[in-house]
């Protein structure tokens, strides 16, 4: 997978209109008309060229080298197993109505692990299932999002923040890097490729 895919997936997930890559700065997202940096190490010109070269044809690379500019389109591929329905992609799912037309979506839970059923009321810190690898996924992980629909993967994403976490580092291009500015965070959303830790459940 091209390394830039993870950044472009973040652009889509955050609802950003633009991605800016500038030498000497971390990647920047344009959100609501304002540029906001991703918690990522500053990029060098060599890294930026390498990211783009992975998604360009040889002809486009040659044009860029000769003219120092090139126009091209690229779509982040969506990998889905053939024959799967949208409702099956999340595997074992728990969806919680948190009010105001917003639903919390927990997907890829381990088979048989959900501890709640339709109609149950849940409380903060309650265990509702365990991490799994069900559905359209290649490794164990939790897919979490807030959505405007109770149906799996059919609503609009709703922005959210996590009240308490600790930023440890990140994995740019799949390689661990400490920081930058590691430490406690409050009311923030860790971005893609971030390595974070959370306090124990109350």
Protein backbone atom coordinates (compact mmCIF):
# COMPACT_ATOMS: atom_id res chain seq x y z
CA UNK A 1 0.00 0.00 0.00
CA UNK A 2 1.41 3.43 -0.89
CA UNK A 3 2.44 5.28 2.27
CA UNK A 4 0.34 8.31 1.37
CA UNK A 5 -2.84 6.22 1.54
CA UNK A 6 -2.90 6.43 5.34
CA UNK A 7 -2.67 10.24 5.19
CA UNK A 8 -5.39 10.47 2.52
CA UNK A 9 -7.63 8.19 4.57
CA UNK A 10 -7.21 10.66 7.44
CA UNK A 11 -8.18 13.52 5.11
CA UNK A 12 -11.38 11.66 4.30
CA UNK A 13 -12.11 10.63 7.89
CA UNK A 14 -11.64 14.18 9.22
CA UNK A 15 -13.75 15.73 6.46
CA UNK A 16 -10.84 17.92 5.35
CA UNK A 17 -11.02 19.69 1.99
CA UNK A 18 -7.28 19.74 1.24
CA UNK A 19 -3.96 18.13 2.13
CA UNK A 20 -0.84 20.31 2.09
CA UNK A 21 2.63 18.76 1.96
CA UNK A 22 5.45 21.30 2.41
CA UNK A 23 9.11 20.59 3.04
CA UNK A 24 10.09 21.41 6.62
CA UNK A 25 6.54 21.08 7.99
CA UNK A 26 4.30 18.17 9.02
CA UNK A 27 1.36 17.35 6.72
CA UNK A 28 -1.40 19.95 7.02
CA UNK A 29 -5.16 19.46 6.68
CA UNK A 30 -7.53 22.24 5.68
CA UNK A 31 -10.50 21.98 8.04
CA UNK A 32 -13.28 24.55 7.89
CA UNK A 33 -11.02 26.86 5.88
CA UNK A 34 -8.07 26.72 8.30
CA UNK A 35 -4.84 24.75 8.03
CA UNK A 36 -4.19 22.37 10.92
CA UNK A 37 -1.00 20.29 11.29
CA UNK A 38 -1.09 16.54 11.77
CA UNK A 39 0.92 15.27 14.77
CA UNK A 40 3.66 14.02 12.48
CA UNK A 41 7.36 14.67 12.05
CA UNK A 42 8.30 17.46 9.57
CA UNK A 43 8.62 16.23 6.01
CA UNK A 44 11.71 16.65 3.85
CA UNK A 45 11.51 17.32 0.12
CA UNK A 46 12.93 13.85 -0.49
CA UNK A 47 10.16 12.22 1.60
CA UNK A 48 7.44 14.20 -0.19
CA UNK A 49 8.78 13.27 -3.62
CA UNK A 50 9.01 9.64 -2.50
CA UNK A 51 5.39 9.65 -1.27
CA UNK A 52 4.14 11.03 -4.58
CA UNK A 53 6.38 8.81 -6.73
CA UNK A 54 4.67 5.76 -5.24
CA UNK A 55 1.35 6.79 -6.82
CA UNK A 56 2.59 8.32 -10.10
CA UNK A 57 3.28 6.63 -13.41
CA UNK A 58 6.78 6.72 -14.91
CA UNK A 59 5.53 9.30 -17.42
CA UNK A 60 4.19 11.52 -14.65
CA UNK A 61 7.44 11.21 -12.68
CA UNK A 62 9.45 12.19 -15.78
CA UNK A 63 7.21 15.20 -16.39
CA UNK A 64 7.59 16.29 -12.78
CA UNK A 65 11.39 15.97 -12.98
CA UNK A 66 11.53 17.99 -16.20
CA UNK A 67 8.93 20.69 -15.51
CA UNK A 68 8.76 20.59 -11.67
CA UNK A 69 4.97 20.31 -11.90
CA UNK A 70 2.42 17.66 -12.84
CA UNK A 71 -1.36 17.21 -12.69
CA UNK A 72 -2.82 13.78 -11.99
CA UNK A 73 -5.68 12.10 -10.13
CA UNK A 74 -5.41 9.36 -7.52
CA UNK A 75 -8.11 7.50 -5.60
CA UNK A 76 -7.37 5.69 -2.35
CA UNK A 77 -8.37 2.06 -3.00
CA UNK A 78 -11.05 0.51 -0.83
CA UNK A 79 -10.32 -3.18 -0.17
CA UNK A 80 -13.46 -5.23 0.38
CA UNK A 81 -13.88 -8.98 0.10
CA UNK A 82 -16.00 -9.90 -2.96
CA UNK A 83 -19.60 -10.70 -2.20
CA UNK A 84 -19.71 -9.01 1.20
CA UNK A 85 -22.69 -6.85 2.14
CA UNK A 86 -22.18 -3.44 3.78
CA UNK A 87 -23.86 -4.76 6.92
CA UNK A 88 -21.25 -7.55 7.15
CA UNK A 89 -18.09 -5.44 6.84
CA UNK A 90 -17.94 -4.50 10.52
CA UNK A 91 -18.22 -8.10 11.69
CA UNK A 92 -19.51 -8.28 15.28
CA UNK A 93 -20.80 -4.79 15.97
CA UNK A 94 -22.26 -2.90 18.92
CA UNK A 95 -24.06 0.35 18.08
CA UNK A 96 -25.07 2.68 20.92
CA UNK A 97 -27.60 5.49 20.59
CA UNK A 98 -25.95 8.35 22.51
CA UNK A 99 -28.70 10.87 21.76
CA UNK A 100 -29.12 13.82 19.45
CA UNK A 101 -29.31 11.60 16.39
CA UNK A 102 -25.75 10.36 16.95
CA UNK A 103 -24.70 6.72 17.24
CA UNK A 104 -21.44 5.24 18.58
CA UNK A 105 -20.23 2.38 16.38
CA UNK A 106 -17.88 -0.35 17.72
CA UNK A 107 -16.88 -2.89 15.06
CA UNK A 108 -14.74 -6.04 14.56
CA UNK A 109 -15.44 -7.33 18.08
CA UNK A 110 -14.48 -10.91 18.90
CA UNK A 111 -17.21 -13.48 18.14
CA UNK A 112 -19.45 -14.08 21.13
CA UNK A 113 -17.87 -11.27 23.15
CA UNK A 114 -20.57 -8.54 23.14
CA UNK A 115 -22.06 -8.30 26.62
CA UNK A 116 -25.04 -6.10 25.73
CA UNK A 117 -28.24 -6.69 23.79
CA UNK A 118 -30.75 -4.47 22.02
CA UNK A 119 -32.54 -2.22 24.51
CA UNK A 120 -29.86 -2.30 27.21
CA UNK A 121 -28.73 0.96 28.79
CA UNK A 122 -24.95 1.30 29.07
CA UNK A 123 -22.81 3.40 31.37
CA UNK A 124 -19.40 5.03 31.05
CA UNK A 125 -16.60 2.48 31.49
CA UNK A 126 -18.83 -0.55 30.97
CA UNK A 127 -17.26 -3.46 29.04
CA UNK A 128 -19.42 -4.08 25.96
CA UNK A 129 -17.15 -6.56 24.15
CA UNK A 130 -13.55 -7.54 23.47
CA UNK A 131 -11.12 -6.67 20.69
CA UNK A 132 -11.45 -8.96 17.70
CA UNK A 133 -10.80 -9.58 14.04
CA UNK A 134 -14.31 -10.18 12.69
CA UNK A 135 -15.64 -8.73 9.46
CA UNK A 136 -13.62 -7.13 6.67
CA UNK A 137 -10.25 -6.74 8.42
CA UNK A 138 -6.75 -8.16 8.31
CA UNK A 139 -5.79 -7.91 11.99
CA UNK A 140 -7.36 -7.49 15.42
CA UNK A 141 -8.41 -3.90 16.06
CA UNK A 142 -11.35 -1.75 17.12
CA UNK A 143 -13.11 0.35 14.51
CA UNK A 144 -14.84 3.19 16.37
CA UNK A 145 -16.75 6.10 14.94
CA UNK A 146 -19.68 8.39 15.62
CA UNK A 147 -22.32 8.34 12.90
CA UNK A 148 -25.65 9.93 12.03
CA UNK A 149 -27.12 6.50 11.25
CA UNK A 150 -27.79 3.39 13.32
CA UNK A 151 -27.15 1.26 10.23
CA UNK A 152 -23.55 0.11 9.80
CA UNK A 153 -21.37 2.36 7.62
CA UNK A 154 -24.27 4.26 6.06
CA UNK A 155 -24.32 7.58 7.94
CA UNK A 156 -22.14 10.67 7.98
CA UNK A 157 -19.14 10.76 10.32
CA UNK A 158 -19.49 12.99 13.38
CA UNK A 159 -16.30 14.62 14.80
CA UNK A 160 -15.40 13.68 18.38
CA UNK A 161 -12.66 14.08 20.98
CA UNK A 162 -11.24 11.73 23.62
CA UNK A 163 -11.13 13.26 27.08
CA UNK A 164 -7.84 11.72 28.28
CA UNK A 165 -4.98 9.97 26.46
CA UNK A 166 -1.18 9.97 26.26
CA UNK A 167 0.61 10.41 22.93
CA UNK A 168 3.57 8.04 22.78
CA UNK A 169 4.71 8.37 19.16
CA UNK A 170 3.63 7.52 15.62
CA UNK A 171 4.28 5.12 12.77
CA UNK A 172 5.02 7.21 9.66
CA UNK A 173 5.32 4.77 6.78
CA UNK A 174 5.06 1.85 9.20
CA UNK A 175 8.26 2.79 11.09
CA UNK A 176 8.03 3.77 14.77
CA UNK A 177 9.08 7.31 15.69
CA UNK A 178 8.90 8.76 19.20
CA UNK A 179 6.93 11.97 19.69
CA UNK A 180 6.81 14.64 18.51
CA UNK A 181 5.86 16.31 21.78
CA UNK A 182 4.85 13.04 23.42
CA UNK A 183 2.86 13.31 26.60
CA UNK A 184 -0.65 13.63 28.09
CA UNK A 185 -3.48 15.03 25.98
CA UNK A 186 -6.99 16.11 26.91
CA UNK A 187 -9.99 16.56 24.63
CA UNK A 188 -8.17 15.61 21.44
CA UNK A 189 -8.54 13.07 18.65
CA UNK A 190 -5.39 11.02 17.94
CA UNK A 191 -4.74 11.02 14.22
CA UNK A 192 -4.00 8.08 11.98
CA UNK A 193 -0.64 6.35 12.60
CA UNK A 194 -0.51 7.74 16.16
CA UNK A 195 0.56 5.47 19.01
CA UNK A 196 -1.35 6.36 22.18
CA UNK A 197 -2.14 4.88 25.58
CA UNK A 198 -5.25 5.29 27.66
CA UNK A 199 -5.77 5.31 31.44
CA UNK A 200 -7.29 2.18 33.03
CA UNK A 201 -11.08 1.94 32.93
CA UNK A 202 -12.70 3.28 36.11
